Amino acid sequence: MLQVTRHGDDGHVVEVALDRPASMNAVSTDFAREITATMTALSADEGVRAVVVTSTSPRAFCVGADLKERNGFTDAR
């Protein structure tokens, strides 16, 4: 759901592309966990100087929360 690409000879610039084009990158629980884990790992990498967040979807960068998933949530969740 994420595409992580290092750019440049030293890989100091990392592109993180949101890749759920069918849902216009709606953020589901699993997607949020993946984004968090990826960003945590990149923040601990001393070789990374910049992170650029992009989208593979030509229609939208990110439409926000995945409302289809949230429709099935209980009040407690």
N, C-alpha and C. Protein backbone atom coordinates (compact mmCIF):
# COMPACT_ATOMS: atom_id res chain seq x y z
N MET A 1 0.81 -1.19 0.00
CA MET A 1 0.00 0.00 0.00
C MET A 1 0.86 1.27 0.00
N LEU A 2 2.14 1.11 0.35
CA LEU A 2 3.09 2.22 0.22
C LEU A 2 4.21 1.78 -0.70
N GLN A 3 4.69 2.70 -1.49
CA GLN A 3 5.88 2.46 -2.30
C GLN A 3 6.97 3.37 -1.75
N VAL A 4 8.07 2.77 -1.31
CA VAL A 4 9.17 3.53 -0.73
C VAL A 4 10.35 3.44 -1.69
N THR A 5 10.83 4.61 -2.13
CA THR A 5 11.92 4.67 -3.11
C THR A 5 12.97 5.65 -2.62
N ARG A 6 14.21 5.20 -2.62
CA ARG A 6 15.33 6.09 -2.28
C ARG A 6 15.85 6.71 -3.56
N HIS A 7 16.15 7.99 -3.51
CA HIS A 7 16.62 8.73 -4.68
C HIS A 7 18.02 9.28 -4.44
N GLY A 8 18.73 9.49 -5.52
CA GLY A 8 20.07 10.06 -5.45
C GLY A 8 21.12 8.98 -5.22
N ASP A 9 22.35 9.37 -5.40
CA ASP A 9 23.45 8.42 -5.24
C ASP A 9 23.57 7.90 -3.82
N ASP A 10 23.26 8.75 -2.85
CA ASP A 10 23.41 8.37 -1.45
C ASP A 10 22.11 7.90 -0.80
N GLY A 11 21.00 8.05 -1.50
CA GLY A 11 19.71 7.63 -0.96
C GLY A 11 19.23 8.50 0.18
N HIS A 12 19.69 9.75 0.24
CA HIS A 12 19.31 10.65 1.33
C HIS A 12 17.87 11.14 1.21
N VAL A 13 17.33 11.12 0.01
CA VAL A 13 15.96 11.56 -0.21
C VAL A 13 15.10 10.31 -0.46
N VAL A 14 14.03 10.20 0.31
CA VAL A 14 13.14 9.04 0.21
C VAL A 14 11.76 9.52 -0.21
N GLU A 15 11.23 8.87 -1.23
CA GLU A 15 9.86 9.14 -1.67
C GLU A 15 8.96 8.05 -1.11
N VAL A 16 7.92 8.45 -0.42
CA VAL A 16 6.92 7.52 0.09
C VAL A 16 5.63 7.82 -0.67
N ALA A 17 5.23 6.89 -1.52
CA ALA A 17 4.04 7.09 -2.36
C ALA A 17 2.87 6.30 -1.78
N LEU A 18 1.78 7.01 -1.51
CA LEU A 18 0.55 6.35 -1.09
C LEU A 18 0.02 5.59 -2.30
N ASP A 19 -0.29 4.31 -2.13
CA ASP A 19 -0.63 3.47 -3.28
C ASP A 19 -1.89 2.65 -3.05
N ARG A 20 -2.99 3.35 -2.87
CA ARG A 20 -4.31 2.72 -2.83
C ARG A 20 -5.21 3.47 -3.81
N PRO A 21 -4.86 3.45 -5.10
CA PRO A 21 -5.59 4.28 -6.07
C PRO A 21 -7.07 3.94 -6.19
N ALA A 22 -7.45 2.70 -5.97
CA ALA A 22 -8.87 2.34 -6.09
C ALA A 22 -9.72 3.06 -5.05
N SER A 23 -9.12 3.34 -3.88
CA SER A 23 -9.85 4.03 -2.81
C SER A 23 -9.41 5.49 -2.69
N MET A 24 -8.66 5.97 -3.68
CA MET A 24 -8.10 7.33 -3.67
C MET A 24 -7.32 7.58 -2.38
N ASN A 25 -6.60 6.53 -1.96
CA ASN A 25 -5.73 6.57 -0.78
C ASN A 25 -6.46 6.87 0.52
N ALA A 26 -7.70 6.42 0.61
CA ALA A 26 -8.42 6.54 1.88
C ALA A 26 -7.63 5.80 2.96
N VAL A 27 -7.55 6.40 4.13
CA VAL A 27 -6.71 5.84 5.19
C VAL A 27 -7.53 4.88 6.06
N SER A 28 -7.27 3.59 5.87
CA SER A 28 -7.87 2.56 6.71
C SER A 28 -6.99 2.36 7.93
N THR A 29 -7.44 1.55 8.86
CA THR A 29 -6.65 1.26 10.06
C THR A 29 -5.32 0.62 9.68
N ASP A 30 -5.35 -0.37 8.81
CA ASP A 30 -4.11 -1.05 8.40
C ASP A 30 -3.18 -0.10 7.65
N PHE A 31 -3.74 0.76 6.81
CA PHE A 31 -2.94 1.72 6.06
C PHE A 31 -2.28 2.71 7.02
N ALA A 32 -3.01 3.17 8.02
CA ALA A 32 -2.46 4.09 9.02
C ALA A 32 -1.31 3.42 9.77
N ARG A 33 -1.48 2.16 10.10
CA ARG A 33 -0.40 1.42 10.78
C ARG A 33 0.84 1.31 9.89
N GLU A 34 0.62 1.04 8.60
CA GLU A 34 1.74 0.93 7.67
C GLU A 34 2.46 2.27 7.51
N ILE A 35 1.70 3.35 7.41
CA ILE A 35 2.30 4.67 7.30
C ILE A 35 3.12 4.98 8.56
N THR A 36 2.56 4.70 9.71
CA THR A 36 3.25 4.95 10.98
C THR A 36 4.54 4.15 11.08
N ALA A 37 4.48 2.87 10.75
CA ALA A 37 5.68 2.01 10.82
C ALA A 37 6.75 2.48 9.85
N THR A 38 6.35 2.84 8.66
CA THR A 38 7.30 3.31 7.65
C THR A 38 7.96 4.61 8.09
N MET A 39 7.18 5.55 8.55
CA MET A 39 7.74 6.84 8.97
C MET A 39 8.61 6.69 10.21
N THR A 40 8.25 5.79 11.11
CA THR A 40 9.07 5.54 12.30
C THR A 40 10.42 4.98 11.89
N ALA A 41 10.41 4.03 10.96
CA ALA A 41 11.67 3.45 10.49
C ALA A 41 12.52 4.50 9.78
N LEU A 42 11.91 5.33 8.95
CA LEU A 42 12.67 6.36 8.24
C LEU A 42 13.23 7.41 9.19
N SER A 43 12.49 7.74 10.24
CA SER A 43 12.98 8.74 11.20
C SER A 43 14.18 8.23 11.99
N ALA A 44 14.30 6.92 12.11
CA ALA A 44 15.44 6.33 12.83
C ALA A 44 16.65 6.13 11.92
N ASP A 45 16.47 6.28 10.63
CA ASP A 45 17.54 6.08 9.65
C ASP A 45 18.34 7.38 9.50
N GLU A 46 19.57 7.38 10.01
CA GLU A 46 20.39 8.60 9.97
C GLU A 46 20.81 8.99 8.56
N GLY A 47 20.66 8.10 7.61
CA GLY A 47 21.01 8.40 6.23
C GLY A 47 19.93 9.17 5.48
N VAL A 48 18.74 9.24 6.07
CA VAL A 48 17.62 9.94 5.42
C VAL A 48 17.65 11.40 5.83
N ARG A 49 17.67 12.27 4.82
CA ARG A 49 17.68 13.72 5.08
C ARG A 49 16.34 14.36 4.75
N ALA A 50 15.59 13.74 3.85
CA ALA A 50 14.29 14.30 3.46
C ALA A 50 13.35 13.17 3.05
N VAL A 51 12.08 13.34 3.38
CA VAL A 51 11.05 12.40 2.97
C VAL A 51 9.99 13.19 2.21
N VAL A 52 9.68 12.73 1.00
CA VAL A 52 8.66 13.37 0.16
C VAL A 52 7.50 12.40 0.07
N VAL A 53 6.32 12.86 0.45
CA VAL A 53 5.12 12.02 0.40
C VAL A 53 4.35 12.38 -0.86
N THR A 54 4.09 11.36 -1.69
CA THR A 54 3.38 11.56 -2.94
C THR A 54 2.24 10.54 -3.04
N SER A 55 1.59 10.52 -4.19
CA SER A 55 0.48 9.61 -4.42
C SER A 55 0.61 8.98 -5.80
N THR A 56 0.21 7.73 -5.90
CA THR A 56 0.19 7.08 -7.21
C THR A 56 -1.16 7.30 -7.91
N SER A 57 -2.11 7.87 -7.19
CA SER A 57 -3.43 8.10 -7.76
C SER A 57 -3.47 9.40 -8.54
N PRO A 58 -3.90 9.36 -9.79
CA PRO A 58 -4.03 10.61 -10.56
C PRO A 58 -5.24 11.43 -10.15
N ARG A 59 -6.16 10.84 -9.39
CA ARG A 59 -7.41 11.52 -9.03
C ARG A 59 -7.35 12.27 -7.72
N ALA A 60 -6.55 11.77 -6.77
CA ALA A 60 -6.52 12.41 -5.46
C ALA A 60 -5.25 12.04 -4.73
N PHE A 61 -4.75 12.97 -3.92
CA PHE A 61 -3.61 12.66 -3.07
C PHE A 61 -4.07 11.71 -1.97
N CYS A 62 -5.07 12.12 -1.22
CA CYS A 62 -5.63 11.32 -0.14
C CYS A 62 -6.99 11.92 0.23
N VAL A 63 -8.01 11.09 0.26
CA VAL A 63 -9.35 11.59 0.55
C VAL A 63 -9.68 11.60 2.04
N GLY A 64 -8.76 11.17 2.87
CA GLY A 64 -9.00 11.16 4.31
C GLY A 64 -9.28 9.76 4.81
N ALA A 65 -10.09 9.67 5.85
CA ALA A 65 -10.40 8.38 6.47
C ALA A 65 -11.19 7.48 5.53
N ASP A 66 -11.00 6.19 5.67
CA ASP A 66 -11.72 5.20 4.88
C ASP A 66 -13.12 5.05 5.48
N LEU A 67 -14.09 5.77 4.93
CA LEU A 67 -15.44 5.79 5.49
C LEU A 67 -16.14 4.45 5.35
N LYS A 68 -15.80 3.67 4.33
CA LYS A 68 -16.40 2.33 4.19
C LYS A 68 -15.99 1.46 5.36
N GLU A 69 -14.72 1.55 5.77
CA GLU A 69 -14.27 0.77 6.92
C GLU A 69 -14.93 1.30 8.20
N ARG A 70 -14.94 2.61 8.36
CA ARG A 70 -15.48 3.21 9.58
C ARG A 70 -16.98 2.98 9.73
N ASN A 71 -17.68 2.77 8.63
CA ASN A 71 -19.11 2.51 8.69
C ASN A 71 -19.38 1.23 9.48
N GLY A 72 -18.43 0.29 9.47
CA GLY A 72 -18.61 -0.97 10.20
C GLY A 72 -18.12 -0.93 11.63
N PHE A 73 -17.59 0.21 12.08
CA PHE A 73 -17.08 0.32 13.45
C PHE A 73 -18.23 0.39 14.44
N THR A 74 -17.98 -0.13 15.63
CA THR A 74 -18.93 0.04 16.74
C THR A 74 -18.64 1.41 17.36
N ASP A 75 -19.54 1.87 18.23
CA ASP A 75 -19.33 3.14 18.93
C ASP A 75 -18.05 3.10 19.76
N ALA A 76 -17.77 1.99 20.38
CA ALA A 76 -16.58 1.85 21.22
C ALA A 76 -15.30 1.93 20.39
N ARG A 77 -15.36 1.43 19.21
CA ARG A 77 -14.16 1.41 18.34
C ARG A 77 -13.92 2.76 17.76
